[in-house]
Amino acid sequence: MIVRLHPEVDNDLLAAMEYYEREAVPELAVEFYAEFRRCSDQLGLRPESFPITESGLRRMNLHRFPFHILFEIVSETVVEIFVVKHDHRDPVFGTNRS
């Protein structure tokens, strides 16, 4: 499936990467982005295997970082990621992006 990113996802990723660069080391920011790419590739291969949340979006947890991806199967060939956020962020943050 094609994995499409909502325009705000770039801001989500940038904020997380800036945090890791500032609070840890620049290499950790690069590793965070690589983990996001691996996960987005996986959800494109098997999107229906991830649980549906109360918001109606599906959730995939990043393995190494306390972040998750909320996405929707848009069609038979397209998956759209709506938000990438920290696990402790407000549960409704990003769920109203369209």
C-alpha atoms as a PDB file:
ATOM      1  CA  MET A   1       0.000   0.000   0.000  1.00  0.00           C
ATOM      2  CA  ILE A   2       0.999   3.599  -0.502  1.00  0.00           C
ATOM      3  CA  VAL A   3       1.640   5.378   2.802  1.00  0.00           C
ATOM      4  CA  ARG A   4       0.615   9.008   2.643  1.00  0.00           C
ATOM      5  CA  LEU A   5       1.463  11.551   5.355  1.00  0.00           C
ATOM      6  CA  HIS A   6      -0.897  14.249   6.556  1.00  0.00           C
ATOM      7  CA  PRO A   7       0.880  17.634   6.122  1.00  0.00           C
ATOM      8  CA  GLU A   8       1.130  18.093   9.918  1.00  0.00           C
ATOM      9  CA  VAL A   9       3.090  14.845  10.364  1.00  0.00           C
ATOM     10  CA  ASP A  10       6.257  16.618   9.226  1.00  0.00           C
ATOM     11  CA  ASN A  11       5.836  19.005  12.188  1.00  0.00           C
ATOM     12  CA  ASP A  12       5.264  16.068  14.557  1.00  0.00           C
ATOM     13  CA  LEU A  13       8.471  14.397  13.396  1.00  0.00           C
ATOM     14  CA  LEU A  14      10.471  17.616  13.469  1.00  0.00           C
ATOM     15  CA  ALA A  15       9.387  18.404  17.039  1.00  0.00           C
ATOM     16  CA  ALA A  16      10.365  14.920  18.243  1.00  0.00           C
ATOM     17  CA  MET A  17      13.698  15.032  16.435  1.00  0.00           C
ATOM     18  CA  GLU A  18      14.488  18.499  17.810  1.00  0.00           C
ATOM     19  CA  TYR A  19      13.749  17.212  21.309  1.00  0.00           C
ATOM     20  CA  TYR A  20      16.158  14.280  20.930  1.00  0.00           C
ATOM     21  CA  GLU A  21      18.845  16.529  19.455  1.00  0.00           C
ATOM     22  CA  ARG A  22      18.462  19.015  22.308  1.00  0.00           C
ATOM     23  CA  GLU A  23      18.079  16.582  25.218  1.00  0.00           C
ATOM     24  CA  ALA A  24      20.287  13.721  24.048  1.00  0.00           C
ATOM     25  CA  VAL A  25      22.467  13.532  20.936  1.00  0.00           C
ATOM     26  CA  PRO A  26      21.841  14.236  17.246  1.00  0.00           C
ATOM     27  CA  GLU A  27      22.318  10.547  16.431  1.00  0.00           C
ATOM     28  CA  LEU A  28      19.250   9.702  18.513  1.00  0.00           C
ATOM     29  CA  ALA A  29      17.133  12.034  16.377  1.00  0.00           C
ATOM     30  CA  VAL A  30      18.345  10.204  13.271  1.00  0.00           C
ATOM     31  CA  GLU A  31      17.547   6.848  14.897  1.00  0.00           C
ATOM     32  CA  PHE A  32      14.060   8.091  15.796  1.00  0.00           C
ATOM     33  CA  TYR A  33      13.393   9.037  12.175  1.00  0.00           C
ATOM     34  CA  ALA A  34      14.750   5.678  10.951  1.00  0.00           C
ATOM     35  CA  GLU A  35      12.420   3.891  13.385  1.00  0.00           C
ATOM     36  CA  PHE A  36       9.477   5.930  12.101  1.00  0.00           C
ATOM     37  CA  ARG A  37      10.359   4.976   8.502  1.00  0.00           C
ATOM     38  CA  ARG A  38      10.592   1.272   9.400  1.00  0.00           C
ATOM     39  CA  CYS A  39       7.236   1.399  11.145  1.00  0.00           C
ATOM     40  CA  SER A  40       5.530   3.288   8.327  1.00  0.00           C
ATOM     41  CA  ASP A  41       6.849   0.696   5.863  1.00  0.00           C
ATOM     42  CA  GLN A  42       5.428  -2.086   8.048  1.00  0.00           C
ATOM     43  CA  LEU A  43       2.015  -0.501   8.403  1.00  0.00           C
ATOM     44  CA  GLY A  44       1.904  -0.129   4.626  1.00  0.00           C
ATOM     45  CA  LEU A  45       2.425  -3.891   4.305  1.00  0.00           C
ATOM     46  CA  ARG A  46      -0.141  -4.990   6.883  1.00  0.00           C
ATOM     47  CA  PRO A  47      -2.343  -2.076   7.964  1.00  0.00           C
ATOM     48  CA  GLU A  48      -5.292  -4.195   9.069  1.00  0.00           C
ATOM     49  CA  SER A  49      -3.203  -5.945  11.717  1.00  0.00           C
ATOM     50  CA  PHE A  50      -3.126  -2.865  13.953  1.00  0.00           C
ATOM     51  CA  PRO A  51      -5.914  -2.117  16.451  1.00  0.00           C
ATOM     52  CA  ILE A  52      -8.549   0.554  15.969  1.00  0.00           C
ATOM     53  CA  THR A  53      -8.605   3.166  18.736  1.00  0.00           C
ATOM     54  CA  GLU A  54     -11.570   4.990  20.251  1.00  0.00           C
ATOM     55  CA  SER A  55     -11.018   7.768  17.700  1.00  0.00           C
ATOM     56  CA  GLY A  56     -11.611   5.304  14.861  1.00  0.00           C
ATOM     57  CA  LEU A  57      -7.981   5.496  13.729  1.00  0.00           C
ATOM     58  CA  ARG A  58      -5.564   2.584  13.862  1.00  0.00           C
ATOM     59  CA  ARG A  59      -2.538   2.694  16.151  1.00  0.00           C
ATOM     60  CA  MET A  60       0.993   1.413  15.678  1.00  0.00           C
ATOM     61  CA  ASN A  61       3.562   1.805  18.442  1.00  0.00           C
ATOM     62  CA  LEU A  62       7.156   2.601  17.613  1.00  0.00           C
ATOM     63  CA  HIS A  63       9.361  -0.119  19.068  1.00  0.00           C
ATOM     64  CA  ARG A  64      12.248   1.825  20.536  1.00  0.00           C
ATOM     65  CA  PHE A  65      10.689   5.172  21.354  1.00  0.00           C
ATOM     66  CA  PRO A  66       7.618   6.122  23.437  1.00  0.00           C
ATOM     67  CA  PHE A  67       5.708   7.333  20.377  1.00  0.00           C
ATOM     68  CA  HIS A  68       2.911   5.951  18.261  1.00  0.00           C
ATOM     69  CA  ILE A  69       1.399   6.481  14.827  1.00  0.00           C
ATOM     70  CA  LEU A  70      -2.321   6.991  14.234  1.00  0.00           C
ATOM     71  CA  PHE A  71      -3.445   6.164  10.726  1.00  0.00           C
ATOM     72  CA  GLU A  72      -6.399   5.211   8.574  1.00  0.00           C
ATOM     73  CA  ILE A  73      -6.874   2.857   5.660  1.00  0.00           C
ATOM     74  CA  VAL A  74      -8.202   5.299   3.061  1.00  0.00           C
ATOM     75  CA  SER A  75      -8.692   2.864   0.181  1.00  0.00           C
ATOM     76  CA  GLU A  76      -7.517  -0.522  -1.045  1.00  0.00           C
ATOM     77  CA  THR A  77      -4.193   1.035  -2.005  1.00  0.00           C
ATOM     78  CA  VAL A  78      -3.673   4.008   0.358  1.00  0.00           C
ATOM     79  CA  VAL A  79      -2.957   4.368   4.072  1.00  0.00           C
ATOM     80  CA  GLU A  80      -2.762   7.860   5.570  1.00  0.00           C
ATOM     81  CA  ILE A  81      -0.794   8.689   8.705  1.00  0.00           C
ATOM     82  CA  PHE A  82      -2.530  11.490  10.600  1.00  0.00           C
ATOM     83  CA  VAL A  83      -0.277  11.975  13.616  1.00  0.00           C
ATOM     84  CA  VAL A  84       2.940  10.788  15.233  1.00  0.00           C
ATOM     85  CA  LYS A  85       2.860  11.585  18.931  1.00  0.00           C
ATOM     86  CA  HIS A  86       4.362  10.784  22.295  1.00  0.00           C
ATOM     87  CA  ASP A  87       2.502   8.115  24.257  1.00  0.00           C
ATOM     88  CA  HIS A  88       1.740  10.581  27.080  1.00  0.00           C
ATOM     89  CA  ARG A  89       0.347  13.305  24.823  1.00  0.00           C
ATOM     90  CA  ASP A  90      -3.357  14.191  24.976  1.00  0.00           C
ATOM     91  CA  PRO A  91      -5.218  11.226  23.432  1.00  0.00           C
ATOM     92  CA  VAL A  92      -7.274  13.477  21.138  1.00  0.00           C
ATOM     93  CA  PHE A  93      -4.254  15.404  19.801  1.00  0.00           C
ATOM     94  CA  GLY A  94      -4.141  14.997  16.026  1.00  0.00           C
ATOM     95  CA  THR A  95      -7.250  12.841  15.747  1.00  0.00           C
ATOM     96  CA  ASN A  96      -9.256  15.611  14.101  1.00  0.00           C
ATOM     97  CA  ARG A  97      -6.815  16.211  11.251  1.00  0.00           C
ATOM     98  CA  SER A  98      -8.436  15.718   7.872  1.00  0.00           C
END
